[in-house]
Protein backbone atom coordinates (compact mmCIF):
# COMPACT_ATOMS: atom_id res chain seq x y z
CA MET A 1 9.97 -9.50 18.96
CA ALA A 2 10.15 -5.70 18.83
CA ALA A 3 7.01 -3.77 17.96
CA ARG A 4 6.80 -3.02 14.26
CA ILE A 5 5.16 0.39 14.51
CA SER A 6 5.97 3.65 12.76
CA THR A 7 4.59 7.20 12.76
CA ARG A 8 5.73 9.59 10.06
CA LYS A 9 4.73 13.09 8.99
CA ARG A 10 5.06 15.12 5.84
CA LYS A 11 4.16 18.78 5.50
CA THR A 12 4.49 20.82 2.31
CA ARG A 13 2.70 23.82 0.83
CA GLU A 14 0.34 21.29 -0.79
CA THR A 15 -0.27 18.68 1.91
CA ASP A 16 -0.06 18.00 5.66
CA ILE A 17 -0.03 14.27 6.41
CA THR A 18 0.47 12.06 9.46
CA VAL A 19 0.44 8.27 9.20
CA THR A 20 0.76 5.69 11.97
CA LEU A 21 1.17 2.04 10.99
CA ASN A 22 1.33 -1.12 13.10
CA LEU A 23 2.33 -4.10 10.94
CA ASP A 24 1.16 -6.52 13.63
CA GLY A 25 -2.27 -5.02 14.15
CA ALA A 26 -5.82 -6.31 13.85
CA GLY A 27 -7.05 -4.38 10.81
CA VAL A 28 -8.26 -1.34 12.76
CA SER A 29 -8.19 1.95 10.88
CA ARG A 30 -8.98 5.61 11.26
CA ILE A 31 -8.71 7.31 7.90
CA ASP A 32 -9.37 10.95 7.06
CA THR A 33 -7.87 12.05 3.73
CA GLY A 34 -10.59 14.42 2.57
CA ILE A 35 -11.22 12.03 -0.34
CA GLY A 36 -14.11 9.68 0.39
CA PHE A 37 -13.28 6.96 -2.10
CA PHE A 38 -9.61 6.92 -1.12
CA ASN A 39 -10.61 6.64 2.56
CA HIS A 40 -12.55 3.52 1.59
CA MET A 41 -9.57 1.99 -0.23
CA LEU A 42 -7.21 2.60 2.70
CA GLU A 43 -9.73 1.12 5.13
CA LEU A 44 -9.92 -2.00 2.95
CA PHE A 45 -6.13 -2.17 2.84
CA ALA A 46 -5.84 -2.03 6.64
CA ARG A 47 -8.54 -4.64 7.18
CA HIS A 48 -7.17 -7.18 4.72
CA ALA A 49 -3.48 -6.63 5.54
CA LEU A 50 -4.34 -6.94 9.25
CA VAL A 51 -2.41 -3.76 9.97
CA ASP A 52 -3.59 -0.94 12.20
CA LEU A 53 -3.53 2.26 10.19
CA GLU A 54 -4.22 5.87 11.05
CA VAL A 55 -4.07 8.48 8.31
CA VAL A 56 -4.85 12.14 8.85
CA ALA A 57 -4.32 14.26 5.76
CA THR A 58 -5.25 17.66 4.46
CA GLY A 59 -4.32 18.78 0.99
CA ASP A 60 -5.15 21.02 -1.91
CA THR A 61 -8.05 18.80 -2.97
CA ASP A 62 -9.81 21.86 -4.36
CA VAL A 63 -7.11 21.84 -7.04
CA ASP A 64 -6.77 18.08 -7.59
CA TYR A 65 -6.47 14.85 -5.61
CA HIS A 66 -3.03 14.09 -7.05
CA HIS A 67 -0.82 15.72 -4.41
CA THR A 68 -2.75 14.23 -1.49
CA VAL A 69 -2.88 10.70 -2.91
CA GLU A 70 0.79 10.65 -3.92
CA ASP A 71 2.03 12.17 -0.66
CA ILE A 72 0.02 9.69 1.41
CA GLY A 73 1.76 6.97 -0.60
CA LEU A 74 5.15 8.48 0.24
CA VAL A 75 4.39 8.64 3.97
CA LEU A 76 2.79 5.19 4.12
CA GLY A 77 5.75 3.70 2.25
CA GLY A 78 8.14 5.33 4.70
CA CYS A 79 6.16 3.85 7.59
CA ILE A 80 6.36 0.36 6.06
CA ASP A 81 10.12 0.69 5.62
CA GLU A 82 10.69 1.99 9.14
CA ALA A 83 8.41 -0.59 10.78
CA LEU A 84 10.22 -3.43 9.00
CA GLY A 85 13.58 -2.39 10.44
CA ALA A 86 16.36 -4.70 9.22
CA ARG A 87 13.73 -7.02 7.68
CA ALA A 88 15.16 -10.02 9.50
CA GLY A 89 12.97 -13.09 9.96
CA ILE A 90 10.27 -12.09 7.45
CA ARG A 91 8.91 -14.12 4.56
CA ARG A 92 9.94 -11.29 2.16
CA TYR A 93 7.69 -12.38 -0.73
CA GLY A 94 3.92 -12.24 -0.99
CA PHE A 95 1.38 -12.94 -3.72
CA SER A 96 -2.37 -12.64 -4.08
CA ALA A 97 -4.89 -13.33 -6.83
CA LEU A 98 -7.88 -11.32 -5.64
CA PRO A 99 -11.35 -11.61 -7.18
CA MET A 100 -13.96 -8.89 -6.75
CA ASP A 101 -17.13 -9.94 -8.54
CA GLU A 102 -16.25 -9.87 -12.26
CA THR A 103 -12.75 -8.50 -11.62
CA LEU A 104 -9.47 -10.27 -10.93
CA SER A 105 -6.21 -8.60 -9.92
CA GLU A 106 -2.89 -10.30 -9.23
CA VAL A 107 -0.41 -8.62 -6.92
CA ALA A 108 3.14 -9.72 -6.08
CA VAL A 109 5.43 -8.10 -3.50
CA ASP A 110 9.15 -8.47 -2.80
CA LEU A 111 10.48 -6.68 0.28
CA GLY A 112 14.02 -7.08 -1.03
CA GLY A 113 14.95 -3.42 -0.69
CA ARG A 114 14.90 -2.42 -4.36
CA PRO A 115 11.93 -0.24 -5.34
CA TYR A 116 10.17 -1.02 -8.58
CA LEU A 117 6.57 -0.80 -9.76
CA VAL A 118 4.83 -2.62 -12.59
CA PHE A 119 1.23 -1.48 -12.91
CA ASN A 120 -0.87 -3.04 -15.66
CA SER A 121 -4.49 -1.99 -15.90
CA GLY A 122 -6.82 -1.06 -18.72
CA MET A 123 -8.80 1.14 -16.31
CA LYS A 124 -6.34 4.04 -16.03
CA GLN A 125 -8.65 6.52 -17.74
CA GLN A 126 -11.72 5.64 -15.66
CA LYS A 127 -13.26 7.50 -12.74
CA VAL A 128 -15.11 6.41 -9.63
CA ARG A 129 -17.29 9.40 -8.95
CA ASP A 130 -14.68 12.20 -9.06
CA PHE A 131 -11.66 9.99 -8.28
CA ASP A 132 -9.29 9.34 -11.21
CA VAL A 133 -8.32 5.67 -11.18
CA GLN A 134 -4.96 6.58 -12.76
CA LEU A 135 -3.97 8.10 -9.39
CA LEU A 136 -3.62 4.56 -8.05
CA GLU A 137 -0.48 4.10 -10.11
CA GLU A 138 1.01 7.27 -8.59
CA PHE A 139 0.06 6.09 -5.10
CA PHE A 140 1.62 2.66 -5.50
CA ARG A 141 4.75 4.09 -7.13
CA ALA A 142 5.21 6.36 -4.10
CA VAL A 143 4.65 3.43 -1.71
CA SER A 144 7.12 1.20 -3.56
CA VAL A 145 9.86 3.84 -3.62
CA GLN A 146 9.62 4.79 0.06
CA ALA A 147 8.97 1.24 1.32
CA ARG A 148 11.83 -0.06 -0.84
CA LEU A 149 9.68 -2.82 -2.26
CA ASN A 150 9.19 -4.40 -5.66
CA LEU A 151 5.48 -4.35 -6.52
CA HIS A 152 3.76 -5.92 -9.51
CA ILE A 153 0.06 -5.20 -9.99
CA ASN A 154 -1.76 -6.85 -12.87
CA HIS A 155 -5.46 -6.17 -13.34
CA ARG A 156 -6.36 -9.22 -15.41
CA TYR A 157 -9.98 -8.47 -16.25
CA GLY A 158 -13.12 -6.73 -15.06
CA GLU A 159 -15.02 -3.65 -16.18
CA ASP A 160 -16.35 -1.91 -13.07
CA ALA A 161 -13.77 0.69 -11.98
CA HIS A 162 -14.81 0.47 -8.31
CA HIS A 163 -14.34 -3.29 -8.35
CA VAL A 164 -10.96 -2.94 -10.05
CA CYS A 165 -9.69 -0.51 -7.41
CA GLU A 166 -11.01 -2.69 -4.63
CA SER A 167 -9.40 -5.85 -6.01
CA VAL A 168 -6.07 -4.03 -6.39
CA PHE A 169 -6.07 -2.66 -2.83
CA LYS A 170 -7.21 -5.93 -1.29
CA GLY A 171 -4.68 -7.82 -3.41
CA PHE A 172 -1.89 -5.51 -2.26
CA ALA A 173 -3.05 -5.94 1.33
CA ARG A 174 -3.00 -9.73 1.18
CA ALA A 175 0.37 -9.85 -0.60
CA LEU A 176 1.98 -7.43 1.86
CA ARG A 177 0.47 -9.29 4.82
CA GLN A 178 2.13 -12.47 3.60
CA ALA A 179 5.49 -10.79 2.89
CA VAL A 180 5.82 -9.07 6.30
CA GLU A 181 4.87 -12.20 8.26
CA ASN A 182 7.50 -13.70 10.50
CA ASP A 183 8.90 -16.91 9.06
CA PRO A 184 9.65 -19.37 11.89
CA ARG A 185 12.30 -21.07 9.74
CA GLU A 186 14.13 -17.84 8.82
CA THR A 187 16.81 -16.95 11.36
CA GLY A 188 18.22 -13.89 9.62
CA VAL A 189 17.70 -11.65 6.64
CA PRO A 190 16.04 -13.56 3.77
CA SER A 191 18.74 -12.88 1.20
CA SER A 192 21.80 -14.69 -0.12
CA LYS A 193 23.59 -11.33 0.12
CA GLY A 194 23.09 -11.18 3.88
CA THR A 195 21.35 -7.80 3.72
CA LEU A 196 18.27 -6.19 2.19
């Protein structure tokens, strides 16, 4: 099996980002986004998806975190898409119901090639320290578009914003881990159309 590794870069007047992703890693990460809480979320994602992830990003965080968070999503999504190649032999679908103390989030992924995001959470107006939780929706939208994946995130309940974010990232990690796994029974592309 060919290595499923991708390195991508994006440089604008607002951000300068490099991401390296190994879909068949061991959960090792080196994350430096300039945003402490977001570093933590990406580290959790790598660990629970069992991907190796390196993110080096600088951005106009003195203005806002929005550009940096969204652009990292774009680059990470591009890495996922590139690393998957033709998407032959994968499970394609993944699902996780992830508890974090009082919080439960359900995440479903389809690597079918059509980007779409459903993001349901009552915590969009909350903050964790100085991090706006609503930025998670922008991040996951960027990932879904560039990775060409269908992503449904449903925060079912829970009040602590940190726990909500953590359950969402871990849930996404576990669902993606399942979807990208090689399926020993799948000999081609997992689609009745013959392509994804």
